[in-house]
């Protein structure tokens, strides 16, 4: 009997410990988050992607920006990444002091920092006139931002030069023919 009581007490203590443990953030992709936006509403989620566009610092101490979670965020085309679909992103809001520590956002010829953002998914937030965004509480930089460089596209230059040469030859031949007929 005593063993049963101790076993039940141990199970109850274990259950309280499990219930009292904080919930872990669910890791989702931007696509999953957008496809099932209502399912994740109010939940803590972690999303990985590239910060792009501009950092909009607000007077309330927050910063707004865009997180792209497409294949180009992880491996840009100029680095040999695949040409795969459109850009896909979500709006994010984070404390301004966190945003000030980040590398500049991605844009043309610049890869922004690739980050893992954890925060509360606000779906049609009534406090923000129905805005949908990730309210970030923590940022982990997976890869720093960097400049991208594209070398010259020699096949395109070669084709252009060849077309220019062909047009020159046609022009010379045309003038000779015209002058001979006159």
C-alpha atoms as a PDB file:
ATOM      1  CA  UNK A   1       0.000   0.000   0.000  1.00  0.00           C
ATOM      2  CA  UNK A   2       2.780   2.362   0.926  1.00  0.00           C
ATOM      3  CA  UNK A   3       4.512   1.718  -2.433  1.00  0.00           C
ATOM      4  CA  UNK A   4       1.288   2.552  -4.284  1.00  0.00           C
ATOM      5  CA  UNK A   5       0.925   5.834  -2.430  1.00  0.00           C
ATOM      6  CA  UNK A   6       4.527   6.764  -3.167  1.00  0.00           C
ATOM      7  CA  UNK A   7       4.095   5.770  -6.817  1.00  0.00           C
ATOM      8  CA  UNK A   8       0.934   7.876  -7.175  1.00  0.00           C
ATOM      9  CA  UNK A   9       2.628  10.815  -5.419  1.00  0.00           C
ATOM     10  CA  UNK A  10       5.627  10.544  -7.757  1.00  0.00           C
ATOM     11  CA  UNK A  11       3.316  10.464 -10.793  1.00  0.00           C
ATOM     12  CA  UNK A  12       1.434  13.544  -9.559  1.00  0.00           C
ATOM     13  CA  UNK A  13       4.676  15.450  -8.953  1.00  0.00           C
ATOM     14  CA  UNK A  14       5.904  14.434 -12.427  1.00  0.00           C
ATOM     15  CA  UNK A  15       2.642  15.607 -13.993  1.00  0.00           C
ATOM     16  CA  UNK A  16       2.890  18.981 -12.232  1.00  0.00           C
ATOM     17  CA  UNK A  17       6.485  19.412 -13.419  1.00  0.00           C
ATOM     18  CA  UNK A  18       5.496  18.631 -17.009  1.00  0.00           C
ATOM     19  CA  UNK A  19       2.494  20.969 -16.875  1.00  0.00           C
ATOM     20  CA  UNK A  20       4.496  23.742 -15.257  1.00  0.00           C
ATOM     21  CA  UNK A  21       7.283  23.613 -17.886  1.00  0.00           C
ATOM     22  CA  UNK A  22       7.084  26.464 -20.387  1.00  0.00           C
ATOM     23  CA  UNK A  23       5.810  25.546 -23.835  1.00  0.00           C
ATOM     24  CA  UNK A  24       8.467  25.288 -26.500  1.00  0.00           C
ATOM     25  CA  UNK A  25       8.126  27.400 -29.605  1.00  0.00           C
ATOM     26  CA  UNK A  26       7.056  25.447 -32.670  1.00  0.00           C
ATOM     27  CA  UNK A  27       9.482  25.796 -35.594  1.00  0.00           C
ATOM     28  CA  UNK A  28       7.622  26.492 -38.836  1.00  0.00           C
ATOM     29  CA  UNK A  29       8.516  27.772 -42.287  1.00  0.00           C
ATOM     30  CA  UNK A  30       7.132  31.020 -43.641  1.00  0.00           C
ATOM     31  CA  UNK A  31       5.026  29.010 -46.098  1.00  0.00           C
ATOM     32  CA  UNK A  32       3.533  26.851 -43.311  1.00  0.00           C
ATOM     33  CA  UNK A  33       2.836  29.940 -41.239  1.00  0.00           C
ATOM     34  CA  UNK A  34       1.014  31.663 -44.087  1.00  0.00           C
ATOM     35  CA  UNK A  35      -0.887  28.536 -45.155  1.00  0.00           C
ATOM     36  CA  UNK A  36      -2.210  27.857 -41.629  1.00  0.00           C
ATOM     37  CA  UNK A  37      -2.135  31.384 -40.206  1.00  0.00           C
ATOM     38  CA  UNK A  38      -5.205  30.887 -38.019  1.00  0.00           C
ATOM     39  CA  UNK A  39      -3.866  27.651 -36.529  1.00  0.00           C
ATOM     40  CA  UNK A  40      -0.747  29.422 -35.221  1.00  0.00           C
ATOM     41  CA  UNK A  41      -2.567  32.574 -34.039  1.00  0.00           C
ATOM     42  CA  UNK A  42      -1.386  33.526 -30.543  1.00  0.00           C
ATOM     43  CA  UNK A  43       1.225  30.750 -30.447  1.00  0.00           C
ATOM     44  CA  UNK A  44       4.938  31.132 -29.974  1.00  0.00           C
ATOM     45  CA  UNK A  45       6.698  30.092 -33.178  1.00  0.00           C
ATOM     46  CA  UNK A  46      10.232  30.135 -34.560  1.00  0.00           C
ATOM     47  CA  UNK A  47      10.743  31.064 -38.201  1.00  0.00           C
ATOM     48  CA  UNK A  48      14.038  31.105 -40.130  1.00  0.00           C
ATOM     49  CA  UNK A  49      14.692  33.466 -43.007  1.00  0.00           C
ATOM     50  CA  UNK A  50      16.449  36.553 -44.348  1.00  0.00           C
ATOM     51  CA  UNK A  51      15.646  40.064 -43.128  1.00  0.00           C
ATOM     52  CA  UNK A  52      15.020  42.247 -46.192  1.00  0.00           C
ATOM     53  CA  UNK A  53      13.835  45.681 -47.255  1.00  0.00           C
ATOM     54  CA  UNK A  54      14.179  48.407 -44.648  1.00  0.00           C
ATOM     55  CA  UNK A  55      14.338  48.571 -40.880  1.00  0.00           C
ATOM     56  CA  UNK A  56      11.503  50.839 -39.818  1.00  0.00           C
ATOM     57  CA  UNK A  57      12.281  52.156 -36.338  1.00  0.00           C
ATOM     58  CA  UNK A  58       9.159  53.530 -34.605  1.00  0.00           C
ATOM     59  CA  UNK A  59       8.697  56.013 -31.792  1.00  0.00           C
ATOM     60  CA  UNK A  60       7.272  53.258 -29.544  1.00  0.00           C
ATOM     61  CA  UNK A  61      10.731  51.599 -29.463  1.00  0.00           C
ATOM     62  CA  UNK A  62       9.949  48.858 -31.957  1.00  0.00           C
ATOM     63  CA  UNK A  63      11.329  48.056 -35.369  1.00  0.00           C
ATOM     64  CA  UNK A  64       9.325  46.662 -38.279  1.00  0.00           C
ATOM     65  CA  UNK A  65      10.814  44.769 -41.203  1.00  0.00           C
ATOM     66  CA  UNK A  66      10.199  41.834 -43.543  1.00  0.00           C
ATOM     67  CA  UNK A  67      11.387  38.237 -43.136  1.00  0.00           C
ATOM     68  CA  UNK A  68      11.714  36.246 -46.370  1.00  0.00           C
ATOM     69  CA  UNK A  69      11.635  32.501 -45.999  1.00  0.00           C
ATOM     70  CA  UNK A  70      12.036  31.440 -49.622  1.00  0.00           C
ATOM     71  CA  UNK A  71      14.888  29.443 -51.160  1.00  0.00           C
ATOM     72  CA  UNK A  72      16.686  32.673 -52.174  1.00  0.00           C
ATOM     73  CA  UNK A  73      17.103  33.648 -48.523  1.00  0.00           C
ATOM     74  CA  UNK A  74      19.160  30.562 -47.796  1.00  0.00           C
ATOM     75  CA  UNK A  75      21.041  30.264 -51.111  1.00  0.00           C
ATOM     76  CA  UNK A  76      20.858  33.196 -53.551  1.00  0.00           C
ATOM     77  CA  UNK A  77      20.885  32.522 -57.280  1.00  0.00           C
ATOM     78  CA  UNK A  78      24.273  34.276 -57.692  1.00  0.00           C
ATOM     79  CA  UNK A  79      25.711  31.715 -55.242  1.00  0.00           C
ATOM     80  CA  UNK A  80      24.351  28.851 -57.351  1.00  0.00           C
ATOM     81  CA  UNK A  81      20.956  28.599 -55.652  1.00  0.00           C
ATOM     82  CA  UNK A  82      17.967  27.306 -57.605  1.00  0.00           C
ATOM     83  CA  UNK A  83      15.471  29.518 -59.404  1.00  0.00           C
ATOM     84  CA  UNK A  84      12.432  28.349 -57.447  1.00  0.00           C
ATOM     85  CA  UNK A  85       9.200  30.323 -57.162  1.00  0.00           C
ATOM     86  CA  UNK A  86       8.388  33.766 -55.820  1.00  0.00           C
ATOM     87  CA  UNK A  87       9.676  35.654 -52.809  1.00  0.00           C
ATOM     88  CA  UNK A  88       7.633  34.723 -49.737  1.00  0.00           C
ATOM     89  CA  UNK A  89       7.750  36.724 -46.529  1.00  0.00           C
ATOM     90  CA  UNK A  90       6.014  37.970 -43.409  1.00  0.00           C
ATOM     91  CA  UNK A  91       6.050  41.206 -41.476  1.00  0.00           C
ATOM     92  CA  UNK A  92       7.964  41.196 -38.211  1.00  0.00           C
ATOM     93  CA  UNK A  93       8.036  43.556 -35.252  1.00  0.00           C
ATOM     94  CA  UNK A  94      10.840  43.449 -32.706  1.00  0.00           C
ATOM     95  CA  UNK A  95      12.350  45.638 -30.006  1.00  0.00           C
ATOM     96  CA  UNK A  96      14.375  48.424 -31.598  1.00  0.00           C
ATOM     97  CA  UNK A  97      17.465  47.694 -29.509  1.00  0.00           C
ATOM     98  CA  UNK A  98      17.646  44.206 -31.041  1.00  0.00           C
ATOM     99  CA  UNK A  99      17.211  45.610 -34.554  1.00  0.00           C
ATOM    100  CA  UNK A 100      20.019  48.121 -34.119  1.00  0.00           C
ATOM    101  CA  UNK A 101      22.486  45.269 -33.541  1.00  0.00           C
ATOM    102  CA  UNK A 102      21.688  43.499 -36.826  1.00  0.00           C
ATOM    103  CA  UNK A 103      23.500  43.754 -40.152  1.00  0.00           C
ATOM    104  CA  UNK A 104      21.707  45.830 -42.814  1.00  0.00           C
ATOM    105  CA  UNK A 105      18.712  44.130 -44.451  1.00  0.00           C
ATOM    106  CA  UNK A 106      18.861  42.350 -47.782  1.00  0.00           C
ATOM    107  CA  UNK A 107      18.223  44.131 -51.069  1.00  0.00           C
ATOM    108  CA  UNK A 108      19.581  44.053 -54.604  1.00  0.00           C
ATOM    109  CA  UNK A 109      23.155  42.716 -54.465  1.00  0.00           C
ATOM    110  CA  UNK A 110      23.006  42.287 -50.680  1.00  0.00           C
ATOM    111  CA  UNK A 111      22.012  39.265 -48.634  1.00  0.00           C
ATOM    112  CA  UNK A 112      20.495  40.340 -45.329  1.00  0.00           C
ATOM    113  CA  UNK A 113      21.171  38.495 -42.093  1.00  0.00           C
ATOM    114  CA  UNK A 114      19.653  35.020 -41.976  1.00  0.00           C
ATOM    115  CA  UNK A 115      17.973  34.757 -38.594  1.00  0.00           C
ATOM    116  CA  UNK A 116      15.842  32.461 -36.462  1.00  0.00           C
ATOM    117  CA  UNK A 117      13.082  34.653 -35.036  1.00  0.00           C
ATOM    118  CA  UNK A 118      10.997  33.451 -32.113  1.00  0.00           C
ATOM    119  CA  UNK A 119       7.843  35.297 -31.203  1.00  0.00           C
ATOM    120  CA  UNK A 120       4.080  35.345 -30.980  1.00  0.00           C
ATOM    121  CA  UNK A 121       2.223  35.024 -34.299  1.00  0.00           C
ATOM    122  CA  UNK A 122      -0.345  37.832 -34.376  1.00  0.00           C
ATOM    123  CA  UNK A 123      -3.010  36.929 -36.910  1.00  0.00           C
ATOM    124  CA  UNK A 124      -5.348  39.825 -37.726  1.00  0.00           C
ATOM    125  CA  UNK A 125      -4.310  41.589 -34.515  1.00  0.00           C
ATOM    126  CA  UNK A 126      -7.255  43.766 -33.408  1.00  0.00           C
ATOM    127  CA  UNK A 127      -4.854  46.039 -31.508  1.00  0.00           C
ATOM    128  CA  UNK A 128      -3.143  46.903 -34.813  1.00  0.00           C
ATOM    129  CA  UNK A 129      -6.157  47.293 -37.111  1.00  0.00           C
ATOM    130  CA  UNK A 130      -6.048  43.658 -38.251  1.00  0.00           C
ATOM    131  CA  UNK A 131      -2.338  43.517 -39.071  1.00  0.00           C
ATOM    132  CA  UNK A 132      -0.757  40.042 -39.308  1.00  0.00           C
ATOM    133  CA  UNK A 133       2.868  39.784 -38.142  1.00  0.00           C
ATOM    134  CA  UNK A 134       5.378  38.013 -35.917  1.00  0.00           C
ATOM    135  CA  UNK A 135       5.886  39.827 -32.600  1.00  0.00           C
ATOM    136  CA  UNK A 136       9.521  38.857 -31.986  1.00  0.00           C
ATOM    137  CA  UNK A 137      10.907  38.146 -28.515  1.00  0.00           C
ATOM    138  CA  UNK A 138      14.271  36.651 -29.493  1.00  0.00           C
ATOM    139  CA  UNK A 139      16.623  36.697 -32.469  1.00  0.00           C
ATOM    140  CA  UNK A 140      19.399  34.236 -33.250  1.00  0.00           C
ATOM    141  CA  UNK A 141      21.635  35.217 -36.176  1.00  0.00           C
ATOM    142  CA  UNK A 142      22.237  32.081 -38.240  1.00  0.00           C
ATOM    143  CA  UNK A 143      24.417  33.850 -40.853  1.00  0.00           C
ATOM    144  CA  UNK A 144      25.519  37.494 -41.075  1.00  0.00           C
ATOM    145  CA  UNK A 145      24.504  39.714 -43.974  1.00  0.00           C
ATOM    146  CA  UNK A 146      26.925  40.158 -46.847  1.00  0.00           C
ATOM    147  CA  UNK A 147      27.304  41.803 -50.211  1.00  0.00           C
ATOM    148  CA  UNK A 148      26.662  39.698 -53.290  1.00  0.00           C
ATOM    149  CA  UNK A 149      28.691  40.160 -56.450  1.00  0.00           C
ATOM    150  CA  UNK A 150      27.754  39.179 -59.939  1.00  0.00           C
ATOM    151  CA  UNK A 151      30.472  38.944 -62.541  1.00  0.00           C
ATOM    152  CA  UNK A 152      29.836  39.795 -66.156  1.00  0.00           C
ATOM    153  CA  UNK A 153      27.584  37.433 -68.070  1.00  0.00           C
ATOM    154  CA  UNK A 154      30.026  36.594 -70.872  1.00  0.00           C
ATOM    155  CA  UNK A 155      27.604  34.569 -73.025  1.00  0.00           C
ATOM    156  CA  UNK A 156      25.231  37.542 -73.151  1.00  0.00           C
ATOM    157  CA  UNK A 157      28.087  39.920 -73.998  1.00  0.00           C
ATOM    158  CA  UNK A 158      29.300  37.481 -76.688  1.00  0.00           C
ATOM    159  CA  UNK A 159      25.839  37.180 -78.227  1.00  0.00           C
ATOM    160  CA  UNK A 160      25.472  40.972 -78.236  1.00  0.00           C
ATOM    161  CA  UNK A 161      28.846  41.438 -79.914  1.00  0.00           C
ATOM    162  CA  UNK A 162      27.993  38.753 -82.513  1.00  0.00           C
ATOM    163  CA  UNK A 163      24.669  40.466 -83.324  1.00  0.00           C
ATOM    164  CA  UNK A 164      26.445  43.815 -83.610  1.00  0.00           C
ATOM    165  CA  UNK A 165      29.044  42.286 -85.980  1.00  0.00           C
ATOM    166  CA  UNK A 166      26.326  40.648 -88.102  1.00  0.00           C
ATOM    167  CA  UNK A 167      24.468  43.964 -88.334  1.00  0.00           C
ATOM    168  CA  UNK A 168      27.716  45.676 -89.407  1.00  0.00           C
ATOM    169  CA  UNK A 169      28.360  43.093 -92.129  1.00  0.00           C
ATOM    170  CA  UNK A 170      24.776  43.374 -93.390  1.00  0.00           C
ATOM    171  CA  UNK A 171      25.113  47.180 -93.448  1.00  0.00           C
ATOM    172  CA  UNK A 172      28.358  47.044 -95.481  1.00  0.00           C
ATOM    173  CA  UNK A 173      26.912  44.502 -97.942  1.00  0.00           C
ATOM    174  CA  UNK A 174      23.758  46.571 -98.355  1.00  0.00           C
ATOM    175  CA  UNK A 175      25.730  49.749 -99.106  1.00  0.00           C
ATOM    176  CA  UNK A 176      27.914  47.972-101.681  1.00  0.00           C
ATOM    177  CA  UNK A 177      24.868  46.524-103.399  1.00  0.00           C
ATOM    178  CA  UNK A 178      23.124  49.876-103.383  1.00  0.00           C
ATOM    179  CA  UNK A 179      26.199  51.663-104.769  1.00  0.00           C
ATOM    180  CA  UNK A 180      26.635  49.027-107.513  1.00  0.00           C
ATOM    181  CA  UNK A 181      23.032  49.402-108.677  1.00  0.00           C
ATOM    182  CA  UNK A 182      23.267  53.217-108.886  1.00  0.00           C
END
